[in-house]
C-alpha cells in the first residue's frame, strides 16, 4: 500500500467511529495493512475494509 494512503487511513480510523476506542491488540481490536488492503476492527464489532484495487471502502 502506498505510504501516503496508509497514513491517511490510519489517521482516519485511529478512533473507532462506533465507540471511540483507540486501542488495538490484546482483544481491543486490530489493524492489518497489506499490499492492496487496509483492515481495522474494534472489540465492539465495528470494522472497515479498504481495497485499493477495487476502490472500495466497506464499513
PDB file of N, CA and C in Angstrom:
ATOM      1  N   UNK A   1       0.850  -1.171   0.000  1.00  0.00           N
ATOM      2  CA  UNK A   1       0.000   0.000   0.000  1.00  0.00           C
ATOM      3  C   UNK A   1       0.893   1.230   0.000  1.00  0.00           C
ATOM      4  N   UNK A   2       0.485   2.226  -0.727  1.00  0.00           N
ATOM      5  CA  UNK A   2       1.247   3.461  -0.762  1.00  0.00           C
ATOM      6  C   UNK A   2       1.289   4.083   0.630  1.00  0.00           C
ATOM      7  N   UNK A   3       2.447   4.596   0.990  1.00  0.00           N
ATOM      8  CA  UNK A   3       2.635   5.130   2.336  1.00  0.00           C
ATOM      9  C   UNK A   3       1.661   6.263   2.647  1.00  0.00           C
ATOM     10  N   UNK A   4       1.435   7.171   1.700  1.00  0.00           N
ATOM     11  CA  UNK A   4       0.527   8.287   1.976  1.00  0.00           C
ATOM     12  C   UNK A   4      -0.908   7.818   2.195  1.00  0.00           C
ATOM     13  N   UNK A   5      -1.342   6.802   1.464  1.00  0.00           N
ATOM     14  CA  UNK A   5      -2.692   6.252   1.646  1.00  0.00           C
ATOM     15  C   UNK A   5      -2.780   5.516   2.984  1.00  0.00           C
ATOM     16  N   UNK A   6      -1.718   4.811   3.339  1.00  0.00           N
ATOM     17  CA  UNK A   6      -1.658   4.104   4.610  1.00  0.00           C
ATOM     18  C   UNK A   6      -1.789   5.089   5.779  1.00  0.00           C
ATOM     19  N   UNK A   7      -1.065   6.180   5.717  1.00  0.00           N
ATOM     20  CA  UNK A   7      -1.119   7.192   6.780  1.00  0.00           C
ATOM     21  C   UNK A   7      -2.502   7.845   6.824  1.00  0.00           C
ATOM     22  N   UNK A   8      -3.058   8.154   5.666  1.00  0.00           N
ATOM     23  CA  UNK A   8      -4.384   8.763   5.593  1.00  0.00           C
ATOM     24  C   UNK A   8      -5.439   7.880   6.267  1.00  0.00           C
ATOM     25  N   UNK A   9      -5.439   6.588   5.937  1.00  0.00           N
ATOM     26  CA  UNK A   9      -6.422   5.674   6.503  1.00  0.00           C
ATOM     27  C   UNK A   9      -6.194   5.442   7.998  1.00  0.00           C
ATOM     28  N   UNK A  10      -4.934   5.349   8.402  1.00  0.00           N
ATOM     29  CA  UNK A  10      -4.623   5.151   9.812  1.00  0.00           C
ATOM     30  C   UNK A  10      -5.103   6.348  10.627  1.00  0.00           C
ATOM     31  N   UNK A  11      -4.888   7.557  10.139  1.00  0.00           N
ATOM     32  CA  UNK A  11      -5.357   8.753  10.842  1.00  0.00           C
ATOM     33  C   UNK A  11      -6.890   8.818  10.854  1.00  0.00           C
ATOM     34  N   UNK A  12      -7.518   8.423   9.761  1.00  0.00           N
ATOM     35  CA  UNK A  12      -8.979   8.460   9.672  1.00  0.00           C
ATOM     36  C   UNK A  12      -9.620   7.496  10.658  1.00  0.00           C
ATOM     37  N   UNK A  13      -9.001   6.331  10.857  1.00  0.00           N
ATOM     38  CA  UNK A  13      -9.588   5.292  11.694  1.00  0.00           C
ATOM     39  C   UNK A  13      -8.818   5.053  12.988  1.00  0.00           C
ATOM     40  N   UNK A  14      -8.092   6.065  13.480  1.00  0.00           N
ATOM     41  CA  UNK A  14      -7.370   5.913  14.745  1.00  0.00           C
ATOM     42  C   UNK A  14      -8.361   5.678  15.885  1.00  0.00           C
ATOM     43  N   UNK A  15      -9.518   6.336  15.839  1.00  0.00           N
ATOM     44  CA  UNK A  15     -10.584   6.117  16.813  1.00  0.00           C
ATOM     45  C   UNK A  15     -11.695   5.324  16.137  1.00  0.00           C
ATOM     46  N   UNK A  16     -12.241   4.353  16.858  1.00  0.00           N
ATOM     47  CA  UNK A  16     -13.391   3.614  16.334  1.00  0.00           C
ATOM     48  C   UNK A  16     -14.567   4.579  16.219  1.00  0.00           C
ATOM     49  N   UNK A  17     -15.169   4.706  15.035  1.00  0.00           N
ATOM     50  CA  UNK A  17     -16.293   5.631  14.892  1.00  0.00           C
ATOM     51  C   UNK A  17     -17.549   5.174  15.637  1.00  0.00           C
ATOM     52  N   UNK A  18     -17.607   3.908  16.022  1.00  0.00           N
ATOM     53  CA  UNK A  18     -18.786   3.400  16.721  1.00  0.00           C
ATOM     54  C   UNK A  18     -18.714   3.636  18.231  1.00  0.00           C
ATOM     55  N   UNK A  19     -17.534   3.410  18.847  1.00  0.00           N
ATOM     56  CA  UNK A  19     -17.449   3.507  20.308  1.00  0.00           C
ATOM     57  C   UNK A  19     -16.331   4.407  20.811  1.00  0.00           C
ATOM     58  N   UNK A  20     -15.457   4.876  19.910  1.00  0.00           N
ATOM     59  CA  UNK A  20     -14.380   5.784  20.307  1.00  0.00           C
ATOM     60  C   UNK A  20     -13.119   5.101  20.804  1.00  0.00           C
ATOM     61  N   UNK A  21     -13.082   3.767  20.819  1.00  0.00           N
ATOM     62  CA  UNK A  21     -11.905   3.026  21.272  1.00  0.00           C
ATOM     63  C   UNK A  21     -10.696   3.360  20.393  1.00  0.00           C
ATOM     64  N   UNK A  22      -9.552   3.629  21.029  1.00  0.00           N
ATOM     65  CA  UNK A  22      -8.345   3.967  20.278  1.00  0.00           C
ATOM     66  C   UNK A  22      -7.304   2.855  20.319  1.00  0.00           C
ATOM     67  N   UNK A  23      -7.620   1.746  20.980  1.00  0.00           N
ATOM     68  CA  UNK A  23      -6.635   0.688  21.183  1.00  0.00           C
ATOM     69  C   UNK A  23      -6.788  -0.444  20.179  1.00  0.00           C
ATOM     70  N   UNK A  24      -5.654  -1.105  19.872  1.00  0.00           N
ATOM     71  CA  UNK A  24      -5.657  -2.325  19.085  1.00  0.00           C
ATOM     72  C   UNK A  24      -4.789  -3.341  19.817  1.00  0.00           C
ATOM     73  N   UNK A  25      -5.026  -4.606  19.574  1.00  0.00           N
ATOM     74  CA  UNK A  25      -4.279  -5.666  20.237  1.00  0.00           C
ATOM     75  C   UNK A  25      -4.902  -6.030  21.570  1.00  0.00           C
ATOM     76  N   UNK A  26      -4.504  -7.172  22.112  1.00  0.00           N
ATOM     77  CA  UNK A  26      -5.000  -7.654  23.407  1.00  0.00           C
ATOM     78  C   UNK A  26      -6.519  -7.673  23.486  1.00  0.00           C
ATOM     79  N   UNK A  27      -7.166  -8.047  22.395  1.00  0.00           N
ATOM     80  CA  UNK A  27      -8.623  -8.139  22.373  1.00  0.00           C
ATOM     81  C   UNK A  27      -9.354  -6.823  22.192  1.00  0.00           C
ATOM     82  N   UNK A  28      -8.641  -5.721  22.020  1.00  0.00           N
ATOM     83  CA  UNK A  28      -9.256  -4.404  21.870  1.00  0.00           C
ATOM     84  C   UNK A  28      -9.650  -4.099  20.425  1.00  0.00           C
ATOM     85  N   UNK A  29      -9.070  -4.795  19.486  1.00  0.00           N
ATOM     86  CA  UNK A  29      -9.305  -4.551  18.071  1.00  0.00           C
ATOM     87  C   UNK A  29      -8.045  -4.884  17.304  1.00  0.00           C
ATOM     88  N   UNK A  30      -8.012  -4.545  16.034  1.00  0.00           N
ATOM     89  CA  UNK A  30      -6.835  -4.881  15.246  1.00  0.00           C
ATOM     90  C   UNK A  30      -6.669  -4.009  14.030  1.00  0.00           C
ATOM     91  N   UNK A  31      -5.501  -4.154  13.438  1.00  0.00           N
ATOM     92  CA  UNK A  31      -5.134  -3.400  12.242  1.00  0.00           C
ATOM     93  C   UNK A  31      -4.225  -4.280  11.402  1.00  0.00           C
ATOM     94  N   UNK A  32      -4.613  -4.483  10.141  1.00  0.00           N
ATOM     95  CA  UNK A  32      -3.784  -5.243   9.200  1.00  0.00           C
ATOM     96  C   UNK A  32      -3.677  -4.431   7.924  1.00  0.00           C
ATOM     97  N   UNK A  33      -2.453  -4.135   7.530  1.00  0.00           N
ATOM     98  CA  UNK A  33      -2.190  -3.404   6.291  1.00  0.00           C
ATOM     99  C   UNK A  33      -1.367  -4.312   5.395  1.00  0.00           C
ATOM    100  N   UNK A  34      -1.895  -4.596   4.210  1.00  0.00           N
ATOM    101  CA  UNK A  34      -1.200  -5.442   3.246  1.00  0.00           C
ATOM    102  C   UNK A  34      -0.992  -4.640   1.963  1.00  0.00           C
ATOM    103  N   UNK A  35      -0.517  -5.303   0.943  1.00  0.00           N
ATOM    104  CA  UNK A  35      -0.136  -4.614  -0.286  1.00  0.00           C
ATOM    105  C   UNK A  35      -1.254  -3.757  -0.876  1.00  0.00           C
ATOM    106  N   UNK A  36      -2.473  -4.275  -0.902  1.00  0.00           N
ATOM    107  CA  UNK A  36      -3.588  -3.550  -1.521  1.00  0.00           C
ATOM    108  C   UNK A  36      -4.764  -3.324  -0.581  1.00  0.00           C
ATOM    109  N   UNK A  37      -4.661  -3.795   0.655  1.00  0.00           N
ATOM    110  CA  UNK A  37      -5.806  -3.710   1.556  1.00  0.00           C
ATOM    111  C   UNK A  37      -5.441  -3.117   2.911  1.00  0.00           C
ATOM    112  N   UNK A  38      -6.455  -2.538   3.547  1.00  0.00           N
ATOM    113  CA  UNK A  38      -6.361  -1.959   4.879  1.00  0.00           C
ATOM    114  C   UNK A  38      -7.563  -2.469   5.659  1.00  0.00           C
ATOM    115  N   UNK A  39      -7.324  -3.112   6.782  1.00  0.00           N
ATOM    116  CA  UNK A  39      -8.399  -3.614   7.630  1.00  0.00           C
ATOM    117  C   UNK A  39      -8.198  -3.101   9.047  1.00  0.00           C
ATOM    118  N   UNK A  40      -9.249  -2.547   9.619  1.00  0.00           N
ATOM    119  CA  UNK A  40      -9.223  -2.080  11.011  1.00  0.00           C
ATOM    120  C   UNK A  40     -10.528  -2.521  11.645  1.00  0.00           C
ATOM    121  N   UNK A  41     -10.455  -3.104  12.841  1.00  0.00           N
ATOM    122  CA  UNK A  41     -11.662  -3.535  13.534  1.00  0.00           C
ATOM    123  C   UNK A  41     -11.547  -3.226  15.014  1.00  0.00           C
ATOM    124  N   UNK A  42     -12.690  -3.280  15.686  1.00  0.00           N
ATOM    125  CA  UNK A  42     -12.772  -2.917  17.096  1.00  0.00           C
ATOM    126  C   UNK A  42     -13.477  -4.020  17.869  1.00  0.00           C
ATOM    127  N   UNK A  43     -13.238  -4.039  19.166  1.00  0.00           N
ATOM    128  CA  UNK A  43     -13.863  -5.043  20.027  1.00  0.00           C
ATOM    129  C   UNK A  43     -15.378  -4.906  20.052  1.00  0.00           C
ATOM    130  N   UNK A  44     -15.907  -3.733  19.716  1.00  0.00           N
ATOM    131  CA  UNK A  44     -17.357  -3.516  19.729  1.00  0.00           C
ATOM    132  C   UNK A  44     -18.049  -4.160  18.523  1.00  0.00           C
ATOM    133  N   UNK A  45     -17.264  -4.632  17.541  1.00  0.00           N
ATOM    134  CA  UNK A  45     -17.837  -5.270  16.362  1.00  0.00           C
ATOM    135  C   UNK A  45     -17.722  -4.447  15.091  1.00  0.00           C
ATOM    136  N   UNK A  46     -17.363  -3.176  15.223  1.00  0.00           N
ATOM    137  CA  UNK A  46     -17.186  -2.324  14.037  1.00  0.00           C
ATOM    138  C   UNK A  46     -15.954  -2.785  13.267  1.00  0.00           C
ATOM    139  N   UNK A  47     -16.007  -2.683  11.936  1.00  0.00           N
ATOM    140  CA  UNK A  47     -14.840  -2.997  11.112  1.00  0.00           C
ATOM    141  C   UNK A  47     -14.917  -2.240   9.799  1.00  0.00           C
ATOM    142  N   UNK A  48     -13.740  -2.014   9.216  1.00  0.00           N
ATOM    143  CA  UNK A  48     -13.655  -1.381   7.907  1.00  0.00           C
ATOM    144  C   UNK A  48     -12.647  -2.170   7.079  1.00  0.00           C
ATOM    145  N   UNK A  49     -12.949  -2.311   5.791  1.00  0.00           N
ATOM    146  CA  UNK A  49     -12.060  -2.985   4.841  1.00  0.00           C
ATOM    147  C   UNK A  49     -11.928  -2.073   3.628  1.00  0.00           C
ATOM    148  N   UNK A  50     -10.701  -1.681   3.307  1.00  0.00           N
ATOM    149  CA  UNK A  50     -10.434  -0.840   2.139  1.00  0.00           C
ATOM    150  C   UNK A  50      -9.584  -1.651   1.179  1.00  0.00           C
ATOM    151  N   UNK A  51     -10.031  -1.752  -0.061  1.00  0.00           N
ATOM    152  CA  UNK A  51      -9.281  -2.467  -1.098  1.00  0.00           C
ATOM    153  C   UNK A  51      -8.967  -1.477  -2.217  1.00  0.00           C
ATOM    154  N   UNK A  52      -7.702  -1.122  -2.354  1.00  0.00           N
ATOM    155  CA  UNK A  52      -7.308  -0.130  -3.351  1.00  0.00           C
ATOM    156  C   UNK A  52      -7.470  -0.625  -4.783  1.00  0.00           C
ATOM    157  N   UNK A  53      -7.412  -1.941  -5.000  1.00  0.00           N
ATOM    158  CA  UNK A  53      -7.598  -2.481  -6.351  1.00  0.00           C
ATOM    159  C   UNK A  53      -9.011  -2.237  -6.838  1.00  0.00           C
ATOM    160  N   UNK A  54      -9.971  -2.317  -5.917  1.00  0.00           N
ATOM    161  CA  UNK A  54     -11.380  -2.163  -6.284  1.00  0.00           C
ATOM    162  C   UNK A  54     -11.887  -0.755  -6.025  1.00  0.00           C
ATOM    163  N   UNK A  55     -11.101   0.035  -5.308  1.00  0.00           N
ATOM    164  CA  UNK A  55     -11.535   1.382  -4.960  1.00  0.00           C
ATOM    165  C   UNK A  55     -12.688   1.382  -3.972  1.00  0.00           C
ATOM    166  N   UNK A  56     -12.746   0.356  -3.107  1.00  0.00           N
ATOM    167  CA  UNK A  56     -13.874   0.229  -2.179  1.00  0.00           C
ATOM    168  C   UNK A  56     -13.445   0.486  -0.741  1.00  0.00           C
ATOM    169  N   UNK A  57     -14.393   0.975   0.026  1.00  0.00           N
ATOM    170  CA  UNK A  57     -14.193   1.194   1.457  1.00  0.00           C
ATOM    171  C   UNK A  57     -15.473   0.733   2.148  1.00  0.00           C
ATOM    172  N   UNK A  58     -15.433  -0.459   2.725  1.00  0.00           N
ATOM    173  CA  UNK A  58     -16.627  -1.060   3.330  1.00  0.00           C
ATOM    174  C   UNK A  58     -16.502  -1.032   4.848  1.00  0.00           C
ATOM    175  N   UNK A  59     -17.454  -0.379   5.495  1.00  0.00           N
ATOM    176  CA  UNK A  59     -17.518  -0.448   6.953  1.00  0.00           C
ATOM    177  C   UNK A  59     -18.904  -0.742   7.403  1.00  0.00           C
TER     178      UNK A  59
END
